[in-house]
Amino acid sequence: MGKLHPCYWVFIRFMLLSLIYQSPKTVTKVSIILVDDHQIMLDGMKALLLNNSQFEVVAQTTNPNDAIQLIKDHNAQLLITDINMKELSGIELCKQAKAQFPSIKVLALSMFGDKETITQMLEAGVDGYLLKNTGTDELISALTKLMSGQVFFSNDVTLEMLKTITQPKLVQTETINLTPREVEIVTLISTELNNAQIGEKLFISERTVETHRKNIFRKTNTKSVAGLIKYAIDKKII
């Protein structure tokens, strides 16, 4: 068998290198649905997320009644919604979205950071709450935390929530039916630690933490971390 022409060796070398250094697979972005009854707000929010490597706006609407169908059509992972809308409030939309798509993350955006509105959104199961004066960095930080299983509230919203601790309250008639260990875990959950990190701090297994966590949600009749934090604040656990 004769020797291969040098051109063939160059071709073979090129093919081998292309296999070794082939381009990495495209990372799937988190799909987002935007809902606001003001088109200018939708355009602004979409502009903030344009060309982001982690998140992609797959659909938007000024009619909140269309949001549930859009979530279904696009298999969306995250819903960003205004709260005060004429057709359907963000509070009711959050309830519907959580009921039909339990795994979806919901971020509320509002011009208002009053205690009553925050409380209603927490009860609806919202995962995060930002005021509309937020910037790109805070928005991306919020979305990243939500998709990692954490909650996120802007500084102004957090301060409003904390006021409920310092303001005088009526004596709670309901007994807090949590063990000391469960109270410890609730406190650590509120600091955004995951099960593994909580286990390390308390010198217990991650599975034990998960068992405590399930019992805590059952005893407090809450369904989300945001709801649990609201409960803990109301009962002065944290």
Protein backbone atom coordinates (compact mmCIF):
# COMPACT_ATOMS: atom_id res chain seq x y z
CA MET A 1 0.00 0.00 0.00
CA GLY A 2 1.41 3.37 -1.07
CA LYS A 3 1.96 6.30 1.17
CA LEU A 4 -0.90 8.77 1.63
CA HIS A 5 -0.49 12.16 0.06
CA PRO A 6 0.38 14.83 2.68
CA CYS A 7 -2.92 16.57 1.91
CA TYR A 8 -4.78 13.53 3.23
CA TRP A 9 -2.85 13.66 6.49
CA VAL A 10 -3.75 17.32 6.86
CA PHE A 11 -7.43 16.44 6.30
CA ILE A 12 -7.34 13.56 8.82
CA ARG A 13 -5.63 15.80 11.39
CA PHE A 14 -8.26 18.48 10.85
CA MET A 15 -11.11 15.98 11.35
CA LEU A 16 -9.57 14.61 14.56
CA LEU A 17 -9.09 18.08 16.00
CA SER A 18 -12.65 19.04 15.14
CA LEU A 19 -13.89 16.01 17.11
CA ILE A 20 -11.74 16.87 20.09
CA TYR A 21 -12.54 20.57 20.14
CA GLN A 22 -16.13 20.45 18.99
CA SER A 23 -18.33 23.32 20.18
CA PRO A 24 -20.11 22.77 23.49
CA LYS A 25 -23.86 22.17 23.44
CA THR A 26 -26.05 25.21 23.64
CA VAL A 27 -27.26 25.79 27.19
CA THR A 28 -31.04 25.89 27.42
CA LYS A 29 -32.23 29.21 28.78
CA VAL A 30 -34.88 29.59 31.45
CA SER A 31 -38.14 30.42 29.68
CA ILE A 32 -40.03 33.46 30.98
CA ILE A 33 -43.55 34.79 30.49
CA LEU A 34 -44.07 38.53 31.09
CA VAL A 35 -47.46 39.90 32.15
CA ASP A 36 -48.27 43.60 32.57
CA ASP A 37 -51.23 45.60 31.31
CA HIS A 38 -48.89 48.38 30.18
CA GLN A 39 -47.01 47.61 26.97
CA ILE A 40 -44.23 50.04 27.84
CA MET A 41 -43.46 48.04 30.98
CA LEU A 42 -43.32 44.81 28.97
CA ASP A 43 -40.96 46.38 26.45
CA GLY A 44 -38.73 47.71 29.22
CA MET A 45 -38.57 44.38 31.05
CA LYS A 46 -37.85 42.49 27.84
CA ALA A 47 -35.06 44.96 27.01
CA LEU A 48 -33.45 44.31 30.40
CA LEU A 49 -33.36 40.56 29.66
CA LEU A 50 -32.36 40.86 26.00
CA ASN A 51 -29.27 38.82 25.07
CA ASN A 52 -29.01 37.40 28.60
CA SER A 53 -27.26 34.03 28.62
CA GLN A 54 -29.47 32.53 31.36
CA PHE A 55 -32.98 33.80 30.69
CA GLU A 56 -35.21 34.24 27.66
CA VAL A 57 -38.60 35.93 27.31
CA VAL A 58 -40.62 33.43 25.25
CA ALA A 59 -43.94 35.30 25.42
CA GLN A 60 -45.55 38.42 26.84
CA THR A 61 -49.07 39.75 27.17
CA THR A 62 -50.98 42.79 28.38
CA ASN A 63 -53.98 40.56 29.17
CA PRO A 64 -53.38 38.48 32.31
CA ASN A 65 -56.23 36.15 31.30
CA ASP A 66 -53.98 34.84 28.52
CA ALA A 67 -51.06 34.08 30.84
CA ILE A 68 -52.05 30.55 31.90
CA GLN A 69 -52.38 29.41 28.28
CA LEU A 70 -49.04 31.00 27.41
CA ILE A 71 -47.35 29.15 30.27
CA LYS A 72 -48.80 25.90 28.96
CA ASP A 73 -47.96 26.59 25.30
CA HIS A 74 -44.33 27.49 26.03
CA ASN A 75 -43.76 25.18 29.02
CA ALA A 76 -42.52 28.28 30.82
CA GLN A 77 -40.45 27.98 33.98
CA LEU A 78 -40.85 31.49 35.31
CA LEU A 79 -43.67 34.03 35.40
CA ILE A 80 -43.00 37.73 35.97
CA THR A 81 -46.22 39.57 36.63
CA ASP A 82 -47.50 42.97 37.63
CA ILE A 83 -49.84 42.98 40.64
CA ASN A 84 -52.33 45.75 39.95
CA MET A 85 -54.02 44.90 36.64
CA LYS A 86 -57.57 45.63 35.53
CA GLU A 87 -58.54 42.31 33.94
CA LEU A 88 -57.05 40.03 36.60
CA SER A 89 -54.87 40.90 39.58
CA GLY A 90 -51.37 39.52 39.88
CA ILE A 91 -52.46 37.96 43.17
CA GLU A 92 -55.17 35.88 41.48
CA LEU A 93 -52.90 35.08 38.53
CA CYS A 94 -50.23 33.81 40.94
CA LYS A 95 -52.80 31.55 42.63
CA GLN A 96 -53.94 30.13 39.29
CA ALA A 97 -50.40 29.61 38.01
CA LYS A 98 -49.28 27.83 41.20
CA ALA A 99 -52.39 25.65 41.20
CA GLN A 100 -51.94 24.49 37.61
CA PHE A 101 -48.14 24.53 37.40
CA PRO A 102 -46.75 23.84 40.92
CA SER A 103 -43.12 23.98 39.80
CA ILE A 104 -43.34 27.39 38.15
CA LYS A 105 -41.56 30.29 39.84
CA VAL A 106 -43.45 33.56 40.17
CA LEU A 107 -41.83 36.97 40.55
CA ALA A 108 -44.13 39.88 41.36
CA LEU A 109 -43.34 43.38 40.14
CA SER A 110 -45.19 46.36 41.54
CA MET A 111 -45.07 50.07 42.16
CA PHE A 112 -46.41 49.35 45.63
CA GLY A 113 -44.56 47.84 48.57
CA ASP A 114 -47.25 48.14 51.22
CA LYS A 115 -47.69 45.44 53.85
CA GLU A 116 -51.16 44.41 52.72
CA THR A 117 -50.17 43.80 49.10
CA ILE A 118 -47.01 41.94 50.12
CA THR A 119 -49.00 39.76 52.50
CA GLN A 120 -51.57 38.90 49.83
CA MET A 121 -48.86 37.92 47.36
CA LEU A 122 -47.13 35.77 49.96
CA GLU A 123 -50.39 33.99 50.65
CA ALA A 124 -50.81 33.43 46.91
CA GLY A 125 -47.47 31.61 46.86
CA VAL A 126 -45.20 34.17 45.18
CA ASP A 127 -41.48 33.32 45.16
CA GLY A 128 -40.14 36.83 44.84
CA TYR A 129 -41.24 40.46 45.02
CA LEU A 130 -39.52 43.43 43.40
CA LEU A 131 -40.49 47.07 43.08
CA LYS A 132 -40.56 48.44 39.55
CA ASN A 133 -37.68 50.82 40.25
CA THR A 134 -35.31 47.84 40.24
CA GLY A 135 -32.23 47.66 38.01
CA THR A 136 -30.89 44.92 35.77
CA ASP A 137 -28.46 43.52 38.36
CA GLU A 138 -31.13 43.11 41.03
CA LEU A 139 -33.56 41.59 38.53
CA ILE A 140 -31.03 39.00 37.34
CA SER A 141 -30.06 38.24 40.94
CA ALA A 142 -33.72 37.69 41.82
CA LEU A 143 -34.35 35.39 38.85
CA THR A 144 -31.18 33.39 39.55
CA LYS A 145 -32.15 32.86 43.19
CA LEU A 146 -35.69 31.87 42.29
CA MET A 147 -34.50 29.23 39.82
CA SER A 148 -32.13 27.82 42.45
CA GLY A 149 -35.04 27.26 44.83
CA GLN A 150 -34.58 30.37 46.96
CA VAL A 151 -36.84 33.36 47.52
CA PHE A 152 -35.99 36.97 46.79
CA PHE A 153 -37.45 40.24 48.05
CA SER A 154 -36.08 43.68 47.27
CA ASN A 155 -34.65 45.68 50.16
CA ASP A 156 -37.69 47.96 50.38
CA VAL A 157 -40.04 44.99 50.49
CA THR A 158 -37.93 43.23 53.10
CA LEU A 159 -37.95 46.33 55.33
CA GLU A 160 -41.73 46.54 55.05
CA MET A 161 -42.02 42.87 56.05
CA LEU A 162 -39.71 43.39 59.01
CA LYS A 163 -41.89 46.23 60.31
CA THR A 164 -44.47 43.64 61.29
CA ILE A 165 -41.98 42.27 63.82
CA THR A 166 -41.30 45.59 65.54
CA GLN A 167 -44.89 46.86 65.54
CA PRO A 168 -47.09 45.93 68.53
CA LYS A 169 -49.32 42.94 67.92
CA LEU A 170 -52.24 41.29 69.57
CA VAL A 171 -51.33 38.18 71.51
CA GLN A 172 -51.51 35.15 69.27
CA THR A 173 -54.21 32.76 70.40
CA GLU A 174 -52.92 29.95 68.22
CA THR A 175 -50.17 27.81 69.71
CA ILE A 176 -47.09 27.29 67.58
CA ASN A 177 -47.03 23.54 67.18
CA LEU A 178 -43.35 23.24 66.23
CA THR A 179 -40.59 21.44 68.07
CA PRO A 180 -37.40 23.34 69.02
CA ARG A 181 -35.56 21.53 66.22
CA GLU A 182 -38.22 22.54 63.70
CA VAL A 183 -37.99 26.16 64.86
CA GLU A 184 -34.22 26.01 64.26
CA ILE A 185 -34.81 24.70 60.74
CA VAL A 186 -37.41 27.37 59.97
CA THR A 187 -34.91 30.02 61.06
CA LEU A 188 -32.21 28.56 58.81
CA ILE A 189 -34.61 28.27 55.87
CA SER A 190 -35.30 31.99 56.23
CA THR A 191 -31.56 32.65 55.72
CA GLU A 192 -31.79 30.93 52.31
CA LEU A 193 -29.84 27.80 53.26
CA ASN A 194 -30.65 24.59 51.41
CA ASN A 195 -31.20 21.18 53.04
CA ALA A 196 -27.57 20.12 52.76
CA GLN A 197 -26.29 23.34 54.34
CA ILE A 198 -28.85 23.12 57.15
CA GLY A 199 -27.80 19.53 57.80
CA GLU A 200 -24.17 20.60 58.10
CA LYS A 201 -25.01 23.34 60.59
CA LEU A 202 -27.18 21.08 62.76
CA PHE A 203 -25.01 17.94 62.32
CA ILE A 204 -27.89 15.91 60.90
CA SER A 205 -28.38 14.22 57.53
CA GLU A 206 -29.93 15.94 54.54
CA ARG A 207 -32.70 13.33 54.55
CA THR A 208 -33.54 14.17 58.17
CA VAL A 209 -33.74 17.85 57.26
CA GLU A 210 -36.12 16.99 54.41
CA THR A 211 -38.34 15.03 56.81
CA HIS A 212 -38.43 17.96 59.24
CA ARG A 213 -39.16 20.30 56.36
CA LYS A 214 -42.19 18.28 55.25
CA ASN A 215 -43.50 18.18 58.82
CA ILE A 216 -43.01 21.95 59.15
CA PHE A 217 -45.03 22.68 56.00
CA ARG A 218 -47.75 20.31 57.19
CA LYS A 219 -47.94 21.80 60.69
CA THR A 220 -47.91 25.40 59.48
CA ASN A 221 -50.29 24.68 56.61
CA THR A 222 -47.98 26.45 54.18
CA LYS A 223 -47.05 25.37 50.66
CA SER A 224 -44.06 27.51 49.79
CA VAL A 225 -40.94 28.99 51.38
CA ALA A 226 -42.45 32.46 51.01
CA GLY A 227 -45.60 31.32 52.83
CA LEU A 228 -43.51 29.71 55.57
CA ILE A 229 -41.50 32.92 56.07
CA LYS A 230 -44.73 34.90 56.37
CA TYR A 231 -45.98 32.40 58.96
CA ALA A 232 -42.70 32.61 60.88
CA ILE A 233 -42.85 36.41 60.91
CA ASP A 234 -46.48 36.44 62.04
CA LYS A 235 -45.67 34.02 64.87
CA LYS A 236 -42.45 35.90 65.75
CA ILE A 237 -40.34 32.79 65.10
CA ILE A 238 -37.96 34.98 63.10
